[in-house]
Amino acid sequence: NQKLPDGADALRNLPVQDVAELQYLDGRTAAMRWGPEA
């Protein structure tokens, strides 16, 4: 629930062993949750 500063590039430093699941939220849904920056 914390925004990573480098956007999608931050995913390059995240090994798959550390990831249980990935989810995508469209712009409208993301903006409702985190504000206009999303």
PDB file of all heavy atoms in Angstrom:
ATOM      1  N   ASN A   1       0.796  -1.220   0.000  1.00  0.00           N
ATOM      2  CA  ASN A   1       0.000   0.000   0.000  1.00  0.00           C
ATOM      3  C   ASN A   1       0.838   1.284   0.000  1.00  0.00           C
ATOM      4  O   ASN A   1       0.328   2.363   0.264  1.00  0.00           O
ATOM      5  CB  ASN A   1      -0.993   0.012   1.168  1.00  0.00           C
ATOM      6  CG  ASN A   1      -2.273   0.732   0.804  1.00  0.00           C
ATOM      7  OD1 ASN A   1      -2.657   0.800  -0.359  1.00  0.00           O
ATOM      8  ND2 ASN A   1      -2.937   1.277   1.790  1.00  0.00           N
ATOM      9  N   GLN A   2       2.125   1.157  -0.299  1.00  0.00           N
ATOM     10  CA  GLN A   2       3.015   2.317  -0.385  1.00  0.00           C
ATOM     11  C   GLN A   2       3.443   2.488  -1.839  1.00  0.00           C
ATOM     12  O   GLN A   2       3.892   1.534  -2.477  1.00  0.00           O
ATOM     13  CB  GLN A   2       4.262   2.121   0.479  1.00  0.00           C
ATOM     14  CG  GLN A   2       3.969   1.981   1.957  1.00  0.00           C
ATOM     15  CD  GLN A   2       3.380   3.248   2.548  1.00  0.00           C
ATOM     16  OE1 GLN A   2       3.877   4.338   2.310  1.00  0.00           O
ATOM     17  NE2 GLN A   2       2.303   3.101   3.301  1.00  0.00           N
ATOM     18  N   LYS A   3       3.332   3.716  -2.332  1.00  0.00           N
ATOM     19  CA  LYS A   3       3.722   3.990  -3.714  1.00  0.00           C
ATOM     20  C   LYS A   3       5.238   3.918  -3.834  1.00  0.00           C
ATOM     21  O   LYS A   3       5.970   4.516  -3.045  1.00  0.00           O
ATOM     22  CB  LYS A   3       3.234   5.372  -4.151  1.00  0.00           C
ATOM     23  CG  LYS A   3       3.526   5.658  -5.604  1.00  0.00           C
ATOM     24  CD  LYS A   3       2.962   6.982  -6.026  1.00  0.00           C
ATOM     25  CE  LYS A   3       3.273   7.206  -7.497  1.00  0.00           C
ATOM     26  NZ  LYS A   3       2.793   8.497  -7.953  1.00  0.00           N
ATOM     27  N   LEU A   4       5.703   3.178  -4.840  1.00  0.00           N
ATOM     28  CA  LEU A   4       7.136   3.093  -5.115  1.00  0.00           C
ATOM     29  C   LEU A   4       7.512   4.255  -6.030  1.00  0.00           C
ATOM     30  O   LEU A   4       6.831   4.521  -7.025  1.00  0.00           O
ATOM     31  CB  LEU A   4       7.484   1.752  -5.757  1.00  0.00           C
ATOM     32  CG  LEU A   4       7.165   0.519  -4.900  1.00  0.00           C
ATOM     33  CD1 LEU A   4       7.538  -0.755  -5.640  1.00  0.00           C
ATOM     34  CD2 LEU A   4       7.874   0.580  -3.560  1.00  0.00           C
ATOM     35  N   PRO A   5       8.588   4.959  -5.710  1.00  0.00           N
ATOM     36  CA  PRO A   5       8.906   6.201  -6.423  1.00  0.00           C
ATOM     37  C   PRO A   5       9.288   6.034  -7.892  1.00  0.00           C
ATOM     38  O   PRO A   5       9.113   6.959  -8.669  1.00  0.00           O
ATOM     39  CB  PRO A   5      10.069   6.792  -5.624  1.00  0.00           C
ATOM     40  CG  PRO A   5      10.652   5.649  -4.886  1.00  0.00           C
ATOM     41  CD  PRO A   5       9.538   4.681  -4.649  1.00  0.00           C
ATOM     42  N   ASP A   6       9.782   4.892  -8.293  1.00  0.00           N
ATOM     43  CA  ASP A   6      10.258   4.729  -9.668  1.00  0.00           C
ATOM     44  C   ASP A   6       9.223   4.115 -10.599  1.00  0.00           C
ATOM     45  O   ASP A   6       9.551   3.714 -11.714  1.00  0.00           O
ATOM     46  CB  ASP A   6      11.528   3.889  -9.686  1.00  0.00           C
ATOM     47  CG  ASP A   6      12.673   4.573  -8.966  1.00  0.00           C
ATOM     48  OD1 ASP A   6      12.708   5.819  -8.965  1.00  0.00           O
ATOM     49  OD2 ASP A   6      13.519   3.865  -8.396  1.00  0.00           O
ATOM     50  N   GLY A   7       7.981   4.024 -10.177  1.00  0.00           N
ATOM     51  CA  GLY A   7       6.932   3.455 -11.014  1.00  0.00           C
ATOM     52  C   GLY A   7       7.249   2.029 -11.428  1.00  0.00           C
ATOM     53  O   GLY A   7       7.767   1.240 -10.641  1.00  0.00           O
ATOM     54  N   ALA A   8       6.971   1.717 -12.688  1.00  0.00           N
ATOM     55  CA  ALA A   8       7.171   0.350 -13.179  1.00  0.00           C
ATOM     56  C   ALA A   8       8.630  -0.087 -13.103  1.00  0.00           C
ATOM     57  O   ALA A   8       8.909  -1.275 -12.926  1.00  0.00           O
ATOM     58  CB  ALA A   8       6.647   0.227 -14.605  1.00  0.00           C
ATOM     59  N   ASP A   9       9.564   0.849 -13.201  1.00  0.00           N
ATOM     60  CA  ASP A   9      10.977   0.479 -13.103  1.00  0.00           C
ATOM     61  C   ASP A   9      11.323  -0.137 -11.748  1.00  0.00           C
ATOM     62  O   ASP A   9      12.259  -0.913 -11.640  1.00  0.00           O
ATOM     63  CB  ASP A   9      11.877   1.677 -13.375  1.00  0.00           C
ATOM     64  CG  ASP A   9      11.985   1.990 -14.860  1.00  0.00           C
ATOM     65  OD1 ASP A   9      11.753   1.070 -15.683  1.00  0.00           O
ATOM     66  OD2 ASP A   9      12.286   3.141 -15.200  1.00  0.00           O
ATOM     67  N   ALA A  10      10.566   0.214 -10.714  1.00  0.00           N
ATOM     68  CA  ALA A  10      10.801  -0.363  -9.385  1.00  0.00           C
ATOM     69  C   ALA A  10      10.599  -1.878  -9.392  1.00  0.00           C
ATOM     70  O   ALA A  10      11.208  -2.602  -8.598  1.00  0.00           O
ATOM     71  CB  ALA A  10       9.889   0.286  -8.357  1.00  0.00           C
ATOM     72  N   LEU A  11       9.772  -2.370 -10.325  1.00  0.00           N
ATOM     73  CA  LEU A  11       9.523  -3.813 -10.416  1.00  0.00           C
ATOM     74  C   LEU A  11      10.761  -4.578 -10.884  1.00  0.00           C
ATOM     75  O   LEU A  11      10.869  -5.779 -10.661  1.00  0.00           O
ATOM     76  CB  LEU A  11       8.354  -4.085 -11.371  1.00  0.00           C
ATOM     77  CG  LEU A  11       6.995  -3.547 -10.936  1.00  0.00           C
ATOM     78  CD1 LEU A  11       5.984  -3.743 -12.053  1.00  0.00           C
ATOM     79  CD2 LEU A  11       6.539  -4.205  -9.655  1.00  0.00           C
ATOM     80  N   ARG A  12      11.702  -3.893 -11.518  1.00  0.00           N
ATOM     81  CA  ARG A  12      12.935  -4.534 -11.989  1.00  0.00           C
ATOM     82  C   ARG A  12      13.812  -4.989 -10.818  1.00  0.00           C
ATOM     83  O   ARG A  12      14.631  -5.881 -10.975  1.00  0.00           O
ATOM     84  CB  ARG A  12      13.739  -3.581 -12.871  1.00  0.00           C
ATOM     85  CG  ARG A  12      13.054  -3.226 -14.172  1.00  0.00           C
ATOM     86  CD  ARG A  12      13.927  -2.282 -15.000  1.00  0.00           C
ATOM     87  NE  ARG A  12      13.236  -1.722 -16.121  1.00  0.00           N
ATOM     88  CZ  ARG A  12      13.094  -2.309 -17.312  1.00  0.00           C
ATOM     89  NH1 ARG A  12      13.602  -3.501 -17.522  1.00  0.00           N
ATOM     90  NH2 ARG A  12      12.451  -1.696 -18.292  1.00  0.00           N
ATOM     91  N   ASN A  13      13.635  -4.369  -9.656  1.00  0.00           N
ATOM     92  CA  ASN A  13      14.436  -4.704  -8.476  1.00  0.00           C
ATOM     93  C   ASN A  13      13.704  -5.626  -7.510  1.00  0.00           C
ATOM     94  O   ASN A  13      14.160  -5.834  -6.386  1.00  0.00           O
ATOM     95  CB  ASN A  13      14.834  -3.420  -7.738  1.00  0.00           C
ATOM     96  CG  ASN A  13      15.672  -2.526  -8.607  1.00  0.00           C
ATOM     97  OD1 ASN A  13      16.553  -2.992  -9.325  1.00  0.00           O
ATOM     98  ND2 ASN A  13      15.392  -1.240  -8.571  1.00  0.00           N
ATOM     99  N   LEU A  14      12.578  -6.161  -7.934  1.00  0.00           N
ATOM    100  CA  LEU A  14      11.764  -7.010  -7.067  1.00  0.00           C
ATOM    101  C   LEU A  14      11.788  -8.448  -7.578  1.00  0.00           C
ATOM    102  O   LEU A  14      11.135  -8.769  -8.573  1.00  0.00           O
ATOM    103  CB  LEU A  14      10.330  -6.469  -7.032  1.00  0.00           C
ATOM    104  CG  LEU A  14       9.388  -7.069  -6.022  1.00  0.00           C
ATOM    105  CD1 LEU A  14       9.898  -6.885  -4.593  1.00  0.00           C
ATOM    106  CD2 LEU A  14       8.025  -6.406  -6.159  1.00  0.00           C
ATOM    107  N   PRO A  15      12.550  -9.335  -6.912  1.00  0.00           N
ATOM    108  CA  PRO A  15      12.624 -10.722  -7.361  1.00  0.00           C
ATOM    109  C   PRO A  15      11.267 -11.425  -7.230  1.00  0.00           C
ATOM    110  O   PRO A  15      10.509 -11.144  -6.294  1.00  0.00           O
ATOM    111  CB  PRO A  15      13.650 -11.363  -6.433  1.00  0.00           C
ATOM    112  CG  PRO A  15      14.101 -10.331  -5.482  1.00  0.00           C
ATOM    113  CD  PRO A  15      13.347  -9.072  -5.737  1.00  0.00           C
ATOM    114  N   VAL A  16      10.985 -12.323  -8.155  1.00  0.00           N
ATOM    115  CA  VAL A  16       9.696 -13.018  -8.138  1.00  0.00           C
ATOM    116  C   VAL A  16       9.499 -13.833  -6.859  1.00  0.00           C
ATOM    117  O   VAL A  16       8.365 -14.058  -6.451  1.00  0.00           O
ATOM    118  CB  VAL A  16       9.496 -13.927  -9.376  1.00  0.00           C
ATOM    119  CG1 VAL A  16       9.362 -13.101 -10.627  1.00  0.00           C
ATOM    120  CG2 VAL A  16      10.572 -14.957  -9.508  1.00  0.00           C
ATOM    121  N   GLN A  17      10.569 -14.233  -6.212  1.00  0.00           N
ATOM    122  CA  GLN A  17      10.445 -14.996  -4.970  1.00  0.00           C
ATOM    123  C   GLN A  17       9.760 -14.171  -3.880  1.00  0.00           C
ATOM    124  O   GLN A  17       9.202 -14.742  -2.938  1.00  0.00           O
ATOM    125  CB  GLN A  17      11.825 -15.452  -4.458  1.00  0.00           C
ATOM    126  CG  GLN A  17      12.534 -16.407  -5.367  1.00  0.00           C
ATOM    127  CD  GLN A  17      13.283 -15.717  -6.511  1.00  0.00           C
ATOM    128  OE1 GLN A  17      13.296 -14.499  -6.649  1.00  0.00           O
ATOM    129  NE2 GLN A  17      13.903 -16.519  -7.354  1.00  0.00           N
ATOM    130  N   ASP A  18       9.799 -12.858  -4.007  1.00  0.00           N
ATOM    131  CA  ASP A  18       9.189 -11.972  -3.014  1.00  0.00           C
ATOM    132  C   ASP A  18       7.734 -11.631  -3.332  1.00  0.00           C
ATOM    133  O   ASP A  18       7.079 -10.933  -2.573  1.00  0.00           O
ATOM    134  CB  ASP A  18       9.979 -10.675  -2.906  1.00  0.00           C
ATOM    135  CG  ASP A  18      11.375 -10.886  -2.345  1.00  0.00           C
ATOM    136  OD1 ASP A  18      11.644 -11.969  -1.782  1.00  0.00           O
ATOM    137  OD2 ASP A  18      12.211  -9.971  -2.477  1.00  0.00           O
ATOM    138  N   VAL A  19       7.226 -12.102  -4.471  1.00  0.00           N
ATOM    139  CA  VAL A  19       5.898 -11.704  -4.941  1.00  0.00           C
ATOM    140  C   VAL A  19       4.920 -12.874  -4.876  1.00  0.00           C
ATOM    141  O   VAL A  19       5.162 -13.924  -5.472  1.00  0.00           O
ATOM    142  CB  VAL A  19       5.971 -11.167  -6.389  1.00  0.00           C
ATOM    143  CG1 VAL A  19       4.594 -10.744  -6.876  1.00  0.00           C
ATOM    144  CG2 VAL A  19       6.954 -10.015  -6.488  1.00  0.00           C
ATOM    145  N   ALA A  20       3.815 -12.667  -4.170  1.00  0.00           N
ATOM    146  CA  ALA A  20       2.759 -13.678  -4.104  1.00  0.00           C
ATOM    147  C   ALA A  20       1.733 -13.474  -5.212  1.00  0.00           C
ATOM    148  O   ALA A  20       1.199 -14.437  -5.759  1.00  0.00           O
ATOM    149  CB  ALA A  20       2.066 -13.636  -2.746  1.00  0.00           C
ATOM    150  N   GLU A  21       1.468 -12.208  -5.544  1.00  0.00           N
ATOM    151  CA  GLU A  21       0.438 -11.899  -6.535  1.00  0.00           C
ATOM    152  C   GLU A  21       0.643 -10.488  -7.058  1.00  0.00           C
ATOM    153  O   GLU A  21       1.170  -9.620  -6.355  1.00  0.00           O
ATOM    154  CB  GLU A  21      -0.935 -12.012  -5.864  1.00  0.00           C
ATOM    155  CG  GLU A  21      -2.109 -11.838  -6.768  1.00  0.00           C
ATOM    156  CD  GLU A  21      -3.430 -12.082  -6.050  1.00  0.00           C
ATOM    157  OE1 GLU A  21      -3.583 -13.148  -5.412  1.00  0.00           O
ATOM    158  OE2 GLU A  21      -4.299 -11.195  -6.128  1.00  0.00           O
ATOM    159  N   LEU A  22       0.192 -10.267  -8.277  1.00  0.00           N
ATOM    160  CA  LEU A  22       0.183  -8.938  -8.889  1.00  0.00           C
ATOM    161  C   LEU A  22      -1.247  -8.641  -9.321  1.00  0.00           C
ATOM    162  O   LEU A  22      -1.939  -9.526  -9.837  1.00  0.00           O
ATOM    163  CB  LEU A  22       1.103  -8.888 -10.107  1.00  0.00           C
ATOM    164  CG  LEU A  22       2.586  -9.108  -9.848  1.00  0.00           C
ATOM    165  CD1 LEU A  22       3.315  -9.420 -11.144  1.00  0.00           C
ATOM    166  CD2 LEU A  22       3.180  -7.880  -9.190  1.00  0.00           C
ATOM    167  N   GLN A  23      -1.674  -7.412  -9.099  1.00  0.00           N
ATOM    168  CA  GLN A  23      -3.009  -7.000  -9.512  1.00  0.00           C
ATOM    169  C   GLN A  23      -2.902  -5.694 -10.286  1.00  0.00           C
ATOM    170  O   GLN A  23      -2.009  -4.886 -10.026  1.00  0.00           O
ATOM    171  CB  GLN A  23      -3.912  -6.789  -8.304  1.00  0.00           C
ATOM    172  CG  GLN A  23      -4.134  -8.024  -7.489  1.00  0.00           C
ATOM    173  CD  GLN A  23      -4.942  -7.740  -6.221  1.00  0.00           C
ATOM    174  OE1 GLN A  23      -5.188  -6.608  -5.849  1.00  0.00           O
ATOM    175  NE2 GLN A  23      -5.340  -8.802  -5.561  1.00  0.00           N
ATOM    176  N   TYR A  24      -3.820  -5.495 -11.210  1.00  0.00           N
ATOM    177  CA  TYR A  24      -3.871  -4.248 -11.968  1.00  0.00           C
ATOM    178  C   TYR A  24      -5.181  -3.543 -11.668  1.00  0.00           C
ATOM    179  O   TYR A  24      -6.254  -4.153 -11.687  1.00  0.00           O
ATOM    180  CB  TYR A  24      -3.773  -4.514 -13.472  1.00  0.00           C
ATOM    181  CG  TYR A  24      -3.946  -3.256 -14.282  1.00  0.00           C
ATOM    182  CD1 TYR A  24      -2.911  -2.333 -14.379  1.00  0.00           C
ATOM    183  CD2 TYR A  24      -5.148  -2.965 -14.906  1.00  0.00           C
ATOM    184  CE1 TYR A  24      -3.067  -1.159 -15.094  1.00  0.00           C
ATOM    185  CE2 TYR A  24      -5.312  -1.797 -15.628  1.00  0.00           C
ATOM    186  CZ  TYR A  24      -4.271  -0.897 -15.707  1.00  0.00           C
ATOM    187  OH  TYR A  24      -4.427   0.269 -16.416  1.00  0.00           O
ATOM    188  N   LEU A  25      -5.101  -2.255 -11.400  1.00  0.00           N
ATOM    189  CA  LEU A  25      -6.283  -1.415 -11.232  1.00  0.00           C
ATOM    190  C   LEU A  25      -6.262  -0.357 -12.330  1.00  0.00           C
ATOM    191  O   LEU A  25      -5.233   0.294 -12.548  1.00  0.00           O
ATOM    192  CB  LEU A  25      -6.277  -0.729  -9.864  1.00  0.00           C
ATOM    193  CG  LEU A  25      -6.239  -1.629  -8.640  1.00  0.00           C
ATOM    194  CD1 LEU A  25      -6.151  -0.797  -7.372  1.00  0.00           C
ATOM    195  CD2 LEU A  25      -7.451  -2.540  -8.595  1.00  0.00           C
ATOM    196  N   ASP A  26      -7.386  -0.182 -13.009  1.00  0.00           N
ATOM    197  CA  ASP A  26      -7.439   0.844 -14.052  1.00  0.00           C
ATOM    198  C   ASP A  26      -7.323   2.231 -13.427  1.00  0.00           C
ATOM    199  O   ASP A  26      -7.387   2.388 -12.197  1.00  0.00           O
ATOM    200  CB  ASP A  26      -8.705   0.708 -14.891  1.00  0.00           C
ATOM    201  CG  ASP A  26      -9.982   0.925 -14.097  1.00  0.00           C
ATOM    202  OD1 ASP A  26     -10.041   1.847 -13.257  1.00  0.00           O
ATOM    203  OD2 ASP A  26     -10.944   0.169 -14.322  1.00  0.00           O
ATOM    204  N   GLY A  27      -7.129   3.236 -14.248  1.00  0.00           N
ATOM    205  CA  GLY A  27      -6.893   4.591 -13.771  1.00  0.00           C
ATOM    206  C   GLY A  27      -7.991   5.133 -12.879  1.00  0.00           C
ATOM    207  O   GLY A  27      -7.717   5.760 -11.856  1.00  0.00           O
ATOM    208  N   ARG A  28      -9.223   4.884 -13.232  1.00  0.00           N
ATOM    209  CA  ARG A  28     -10.337   5.398 -12.424  1.00  0.00           C
ATOM    210  C   ARG A  28     -10.358   4.748 -11.051  1.00  0.00           C
ATOM    211  O   ARG A  28     -10.477   5.426 -10.033  1.00  0.00           O
ATOM    212  CB  ARG A  28     -11.658   5.186 -13.156  1.00  0.00           C
ATOM    213  CG  ARG A  28     -12.838   5.778 -12.410  1.00  0.00           C
ATOM    214  CD  ARG A  28     -14.099   5.718 -13.190  1.00  0.00           C
ATOM    215  NE  ARG A  28     -14.324   4.374 -13.703  1.00  0.00           N
ATOM    216  CZ  ARG A  28     -15.447   3.959 -14.237  1.00  0.00           C
ATOM    217  NH1 ARG A  28     -16.450   4.794 -14.363  1.00  0.00           N
ATOM    218  NH2 ARG A  28     -15.593   2.738 -14.676  1.00  0.00           N
ATOM    219  N   THR A  29     -10.215   3.430 -11.009  1.00  0.00           N
ATOM    220  CA  THR A  29     -10.229   2.714  -9.741  1.00  0.00           C
ATOM    221  C   THR A  29      -9.032   3.096  -8.880  1.00  0.00           C
ATOM    222  O   THR A  29      -9.163   3.329  -7.672  1.00  0.00           O
ATOM    223  CB  THR A  29     -10.241   1.191  -9.988  1.00  0.00           C
ATOM    224  OG1 THR A  29     -11.351   0.872 -10.835  1.00  0.00           O
ATOM    225  CG2 THR A  29     -10.330   0.423  -8.699  1.00  0.00           C
ATOM    226  N   ALA A  30      -7.857   3.186  -9.489  1.00  0.00           N
ATOM    227  CA  ALA A  30      -6.646   3.556  -8.752  1.00  0.00           C
ATOM    228  C   ALA A  30      -6.746   4.978  -8.206  1.00  0.00           C
ATOM    229  O   ALA A  30      -6.350   5.247  -7.065  1.00  0.00           O
ATOM    230  CB  ALA A  30      -5.421   3.413  -9.646  1.00  0.00           C
ATOM    231  N   ALA A  31      -7.301   5.899  -8.996  1.00  0.00           N
ATOM    232  CA  ALA A  31      -7.435   7.285  -8.545  1.00  0.00           C
ATOM    233  C   ALA A  31      -8.427   7.396  -7.387  1.00  0.00           C
ATOM    234  O   ALA A  31      -8.230   8.202  -6.476  1.00  0.00           O
ATOM    235  CB  ALA A  31      -7.868   8.178  -9.701  1.00  0.00           C
ATOM    236  N   MET A  32      -9.457   6.563  -7.387  1.00  0.00           N
ATOM    237  CA  MET A  32     -10.400   6.580  -6.269  1.00  0.00           C
ATOM    238  C   MET A  32      -9.720   6.089  -4.987  1.00  0.00           C
ATOM    239  O   MET A  32     -10.038   6.560  -3.901  1.00  0.00           O
ATOM    240  CB  MET A  32     -11.621   5.711  -6.583  1.00  0.00           C
ATOM    241  CG  MET A  32     -12.527   6.352  -7.603  1.00  0.00           C
ATOM    242  SD  MET A  32     -14.098   5.507  -7.999  1.00  0.00           S
ATOM    243  CE  MET A  32     -13.932   3.866  -7.465  1.00  0.00           C
ATOM    244  N   ARG A  33      -8.769   5.188  -5.130  1.00  0.00           N
ATOM    245  CA  ARG A  33      -8.088   4.632  -3.952  1.00  0.00           C
ATOM    246  C   ARG A  33      -6.932   5.501  -3.473  1.00  0.00           C
ATOM    247  O   ARG A  33      -6.763   5.700  -2.280  1.00  0.00           O
ATOM    248  CB  ARG A  33      -7.592   3.231  -4.295  1.00  0.00           C
ATOM    249  CG  ARG A  33      -6.970   2.509  -3.134  1.00  0.00           C
ATOM    250  CD  ARG A  33      -6.760   1.053  -3.460  1.00  0.00           C
ATOM    251  NE  ARG A  33      -6.097   0.365  -2.383  1.00  0.00           N
ATOM    252  CZ  ARG A  33      -5.779  -0.895  -2.405  1.00  0.00           C
ATOM    253  NH1 ARG A  33      -6.080  -1.641  -3.453  1.00  0.00           N
ATOM    254  NH2 ARG A  33      -5.161  -1.450  -1.391  1.00  0.00           N
ATOM    255  N   TRP A  34      -6.108   6.011  -4.407  1.00  0.00           N
ATOM    256  CA  TRP A  34      -4.895   6.735  -4.024  1.00  0.00           C
ATOM    257  C   TRP A  34      -4.878   8.207  -4.439  1.00  0.00           C
ATOM    258  O   TRP A  34      -3.927   8.914  -4.153  1.00  0.00           O
ATOM    259  CB  TRP A  34      -3.661   6.042  -4.586  1.00  0.00           C
ATOM    260  CG  TRP A  34      -3.366   4.744  -3.908  1.00  0.00           C
ATOM    261  CD1 TRP A  34      -2.945   4.566  -2.618  1.00  0.00           C
ATOM    262  CD2 TRP A  34      -3.469   3.447  -4.465  1.00  0.00           C
ATOM    263  NE1 TRP A  34      -2.781   3.231  -2.354  1.00  0.00           N
ATOM    264  CE2 TRP A  34      -3.101   2.505  -3.483  1.00  0.00           C
ATOM    265  CE3 TRP A  34      -3.850   2.971  -5.724  1.00  0.00           C
ATOM    266  CZ2 TRP A  34      -3.088   1.141  -3.689  1.00  0.00           C
ATOM    267  CZ3 TRP A  34      -3.837   1.602  -5.935  1.00  0.00           C
ATOM    268  CH2 TRP A  34      -3.463   0.707  -4.921  1.00  0.00           C
ATOM    269  N   GLY A  35      -5.865   8.645  -5.146  1.00  0.00           N
ATOM    270  CA  GLY A  35      -5.904  10.036  -5.573  1.00  0.00           C
ATOM    271  C   GLY A  35      -5.439  10.221  -7.005  1.00  0.00           C
ATOM    272  O   GLY A  35      -5.078   9.259  -7.694  1.00  0.00           O
ATOM    273  N   PRO A  36      -5.430  11.476  -7.472  1.00  0.00           N
ATOM    274  CA  PRO A  36      -5.149  11.766  -8.882  1.00  0.00           C
ATOM    275  C   PRO A  36      -3.769  11.329  -9.353  1.00  0.00           C
ATOM    276  O   PRO A  36      -3.549  11.150 -10.542  1.00  0.00           O
ATOM    277  CB  PRO A  36      -5.305  13.274  -8.996  1.00  0.00           C
ATOM    278  CG  PRO A  36      -5.532  13.792  -7.638  1.00  0.00           C
ATOM    279  CD  PRO A  36      -5.751  12.656  -6.711  1.00  0.00           C
ATOM    280  N   GLU A  37      -2.830  11.142  -8.434  1.00  0.00           N
ATOM    281  CA  GLU A  37      -1.490  10.709  -8.851  1.00  0.00           C
ATOM    282  C   GLU A  37      -1.509   9.304  -9.451  1.00  0.00           C
ATOM    283  O   GLU A  37      -0.566   8.916 -10.115  1.00  0.00           O
ATOM    284  CB  GLU A  37      -0.521  10.761  -7.679  1.00  0.00           C
ATOM    285  CG  GLU A  37      -0.826   9.765  -6.579  1.00  0.00           C
ATOM    286  CD  GLU A  37       0.105   9.897  -5.392  1.00  0.00           C
ATOM    287  OE1 GLU A  37       0.610  10.998  -5.153  1.00  0.00           O
ATOM    288  OE2 GLU A  37       0.321   8.894  -4.728  1.00  0.00           O
ATOM    289  N   ALA A  38      -2.593   8.570  -9.259  1.00  0.00           N
ATOM    290  CA  ALA A  38      -2.696   7.211  -9.784  1.00  0.00           C
ATOM    291  C   ALA A  38      -3.608   7.131 -11.008  1.00  0.00           C
ATOM    292  O   ALA A  38      -4.082   6.052 -11.350  1.00  0.00           O
ATOM    293  CB  ALA A  38      -3.191   6.266  -8.685  1.00  0.00           C
TER     294      ALA A  38
END
